[in-house]
């Protein structure tokens, strides 16, 4: 006979994190898309670790001839992962698609898990479902804006990058403050 784990078997308690749990699917779907883009770029550029697409960083291929240091002076160099161009508007760096994909993925991983923990803590302490839904909706929209209309735009400087960053910081700051406000009585702060 299987042993139940957790609180779900208690009839008194309903779902513990319905709002945070509802956002698990869209955040995971977007995370999977960002991960797939990284894998695609790694295979396409044949760079399986790091972001440098120059020939010196690529691992050797089985059966391929090994290039020695004396051969390197004779071989032609490939383009680096980043090139810089100067226009009338100023200097812009153009990053490789792999760099854009890995930074998009890493930015998501740097912010979303903490935001979900903050939302879960607020929800477990009686947070408003409407307020938490709004905050997590803003966070999801901000992360999509940051990548799709920011990092993936020419020069990785689209307006979505700034809007997405501010939206992410705003949502996370609000979730942290709201979570603290919900437990203010624990610290002796009266209504």
Protein backbone atom coordinates (compact mmCIF):
# COMPACT_ATOMS: atom_id res chain seq x y z
CA UNK A 1 0.00 0.00 0.00
CA UNK A 2 1.31 3.43 -0.95
CA UNK A 3 2.01 6.04 1.70
CA UNK A 4 0.65 9.50 1.00
CA UNK A 5 3.08 12.37 1.21
CA UNK A 6 2.17 16.01 1.77
CA UNK A 7 -1.06 17.68 2.86
CA UNK A 8 -3.29 16.90 -0.13
CA UNK A 9 -4.94 13.94 1.59
CA UNK A 10 -6.34 16.12 4.39
CA UNK A 11 -9.93 17.08 3.58
CA UNK A 12 -9.67 20.34 5.56
CA UNK A 13 -7.07 21.82 3.24
CA UNK A 14 -7.81 22.62 -0.36
CA UNK A 15 -5.12 23.18 -2.96
CA UNK A 16 -2.27 24.93 -1.18
CA UNK A 17 -0.87 27.01 -4.03
CA UNK A 18 -3.54 27.35 -6.73
CA UNK A 19 -2.27 30.66 -8.14
CA UNK A 20 1.43 29.79 -8.14
CA UNK A 21 0.57 26.31 -9.39
CA UNK A 22 -1.50 27.75 -12.23
CA UNK A 23 1.49 29.73 -13.48
CA UNK A 24 3.77 26.67 -13.44
CA UNK A 25 2.63 25.59 -16.92
CA UNK A 26 3.15 28.89 -18.81
CA UNK A 27 6.49 29.58 -17.09
CA UNK A 28 7.65 26.02 -17.81
CA UNK A 29 6.52 26.23 -21.44
CA UNK A 30 8.48 29.44 -21.97
CA UNK A 31 11.49 27.96 -20.16
CA UNK A 32 11.32 24.93 -22.51
CA UNK A 33 11.25 27.26 -25.54
CA UNK A 34 14.31 29.16 -24.28
CA UNK A 35 16.11 25.86 -23.58
CA UNK A 36 15.28 24.53 -27.04
CA UNK A 37 16.72 27.69 -28.62
CA UNK A 38 20.00 27.15 -26.75
CA UNK A 39 20.19 23.52 -27.85
CA UNK A 40 19.41 24.46 -31.45
CA UNK A 41 22.13 27.15 -31.51
CA UNK A 42 24.68 24.83 -29.88
CA UNK A 43 24.08 22.15 -32.50
CA UNK A 44 23.92 24.69 -35.33
CA UNK A 45 27.18 26.42 -34.31
CA UNK A 46 28.81 23.17 -33.08
CA UNK A 47 29.65 24.75 -29.72
CA UNK A 48 28.76 22.34 -26.97
CA UNK A 49 30.12 24.23 -23.97
CA UNK A 50 30.50 27.96 -23.43
CA UNK A 51 29.47 30.58 -25.97
CA UNK A 52 32.60 31.13 -28.08
CA UNK A 53 32.11 30.11 -31.68
CA UNK A 54 35.78 30.56 -32.60
CA UNK A 55 37.56 27.40 -33.74
CA UNK A 56 39.91 27.35 -30.74
CA UNK A 57 37.09 26.62 -28.30
CA UNK A 58 35.46 23.74 -30.17
CA UNK A 59 36.05 20.26 -28.81
CA UNK A 60 37.78 17.84 -31.15
CA UNK A 61 35.56 15.67 -33.32
CA UNK A 62 36.20 11.92 -33.23
CA UNK A 63 38.18 10.85 -36.27
CA UNK A 64 39.10 14.42 -37.27
CA UNK A 65 42.76 15.33 -37.70
CA UNK A 66 44.25 17.08 -34.69
CA UNK A 67 45.58 20.57 -35.34
CA UNK A 68 48.97 21.25 -33.76
CA UNK A 69 50.32 24.65 -32.69
CA UNK A 70 52.53 24.90 -35.81
CA UNK A 71 49.44 24.36 -37.99
CA UNK A 72 47.50 27.16 -36.28
CA UNK A 73 49.60 29.89 -37.86
CA UNK A 74 48.76 28.57 -41.33
CA UNK A 75 45.01 28.15 -40.72
CA UNK A 76 42.56 30.96 -41.24
CA UNK A 77 40.71 32.37 -38.27
CA UNK A 78 36.93 32.26 -38.05
CA UNK A 79 34.85 35.21 -36.92
CA UNK A 80 34.55 35.72 -33.20
CA UNK A 81 31.29 35.48 -31.24
CA UNK A 82 31.01 39.27 -31.04
CA UNK A 83 31.64 41.87 -33.70
CA UNK A 84 31.48 45.61 -33.24
CA UNK A 85 30.20 48.07 -35.83
CA UNK A 86 30.16 51.84 -35.67
CA UNK A 87 27.25 53.76 -37.15
CA UNK A 88 26.06 57.36 -36.99
CA UNK A 89 24.04 56.37 -33.90
CA UNK A 90 27.14 55.06 -32.11
CA UNK A 91 28.90 51.77 -31.45
CA UNK A 92 26.80 48.59 -31.34
CA UNK A 93 27.85 45.06 -30.54
CA UNK A 94 26.26 42.26 -32.53
CA UNK A 95 26.31 39.05 -30.53
CA UNK A 96 26.10 35.56 -31.93
CA UNK A 97 22.72 33.83 -31.86
CA UNK A 98 24.17 31.39 -29.31
CA UNK A 99 25.11 34.22 -26.96
CA UNK A 100 21.62 35.71 -27.26
CA UNK A 101 20.01 32.30 -26.65
CA UNK A 102 22.15 31.49 -23.60
CA UNK A 103 21.68 34.95 -22.06
CA UNK A 104 17.92 34.79 -22.62
CA UNK A 105 17.81 31.40 -20.91
CA UNK A 106 20.12 32.46 -18.08
CA UNK A 107 18.18 35.69 -17.41
CA UNK A 108 15.00 33.64 -17.05
CA UNK A 109 16.71 31.20 -14.67
CA UNK A 110 18.17 34.08 -12.62
CA UNK A 111 14.80 35.70 -11.89
CA UNK A 112 11.78 33.40 -12.24
CA UNK A 113 12.57 30.78 -9.54
CA UNK A 114 12.96 33.44 -6.83
CA UNK A 115 9.79 35.17 -7.98
CA UNK A 116 7.86 31.90 -7.77
CA UNK A 117 9.20 31.28 -4.25
CA UNK A 118 8.12 34.80 -3.24
CA UNK A 119 4.65 34.21 -4.73
CA UNK A 120 4.32 30.84 -3.01
CA UNK A 121 5.31 32.34 0.35
CA UNK A 122 2.74 35.11 -0.04
CA UNK A 123 0.08 32.64 -1.14
CA UNK A 124 0.74 30.30 1.80
CA UNK A 125 0.36 33.28 4.14
CA UNK A 126 -3.09 34.19 2.83
CA UNK A 127 -2.25 36.47 -0.09
CA UNK A 128 -5.02 37.68 -2.38
CA UNK A 129 -5.50 35.42 -5.39
CA UNK A 130 -6.25 38.42 -7.61
CA UNK A 131 -3.14 40.32 -6.49
CA UNK A 132 -0.88 37.27 -6.91
CA UNK A 133 -2.38 36.47 -10.31
CA UNK A 134 -1.72 40.05 -11.43
CA UNK A 135 1.87 39.99 -10.16
CA UNK A 136 2.69 36.66 -11.81
CA UNK A 137 0.96 37.75 -15.03
CA UNK A 138 3.09 40.90 -15.08
CA UNK A 139 6.20 38.80 -14.43
CA UNK A 140 5.42 36.42 -17.30
CA UNK A 141 4.74 39.30 -19.69
CA UNK A 142 7.92 41.05 -18.54
CA UNK A 143 10.07 37.98 -19.16
CA UNK A 144 8.61 37.52 -22.65
CA UNK A 145 9.10 41.23 -23.47
CA UNK A 146 12.67 41.13 -22.18
CA UNK A 147 13.65 38.35 -24.56
CA UNK A 148 11.37 38.57 -27.58
CA UNK A 149 11.38 42.38 -27.93
CA UNK A 150 14.68 43.10 -26.18
CA UNK A 151 17.50 40.60 -26.40
CA UNK A 152 16.36 39.17 -29.75
CA UNK A 153 16.01 42.59 -31.39
CA UNK A 154 18.89 44.03 -33.48
CA UNK A 155 21.84 44.80 -31.23
CA UNK A 156 19.98 43.20 -28.29
CA UNK A 157 18.80 46.70 -27.33
CA UNK A 158 15.08 46.66 -28.07
CA UNK A 159 12.66 48.58 -25.84
CA UNK A 160 11.35 45.25 -24.51
CA UNK A 161 14.64 44.70 -22.70
CA UNK A 162 14.23 47.74 -20.43
CA UNK A 163 10.47 47.28 -20.04
CA UNK A 164 10.98 43.59 -19.24
CA UNK A 165 13.70 44.30 -16.69
CA UNK A 166 11.69 46.99 -14.91
CA UNK A 167 8.57 44.81 -15.00
CA UNK A 168 10.50 41.88 -13.53
CA UNK A 169 12.05 44.01 -10.78
CA UNK A 170 8.68 45.60 -10.04
CA UNK A 171 6.88 42.27 -9.81
CA UNK A 172 9.59 40.73 -7.63
CA UNK A 173 9.82 43.78 -5.38
CA UNK A 174 6.05 43.87 -4.99
CA UNK A 175 5.90 40.12 -4.21
CA UNK A 176 8.63 40.47 -1.57
CA UNK A 177 6.97 43.51 0.01
CA UNK A 178 3.51 41.95 -0.08
CA UNK A 179 4.82 38.74 1.48
CA UNK A 180 6.44 40.75 4.27
CA UNK A 181 3.26 42.75 4.82
CA UNK A 182 1.22 39.54 5.14
CA UNK A 183 3.39 38.34 8.04
CA UNK A 184 3.81 41.72 9.74
CA UNK A 185 1.98 40.44 12.85
CA UNK A 186 4.72 37.89 13.42
CA UNK A 187 7.17 40.73 13.92
CA UNK A 188 4.86 42.60 16.28
CA UNK A 189 3.64 45.14 13.76
CA UNK A 190 -0.01 45.90 14.38
CA UNK A 191 -2.64 46.59 11.75
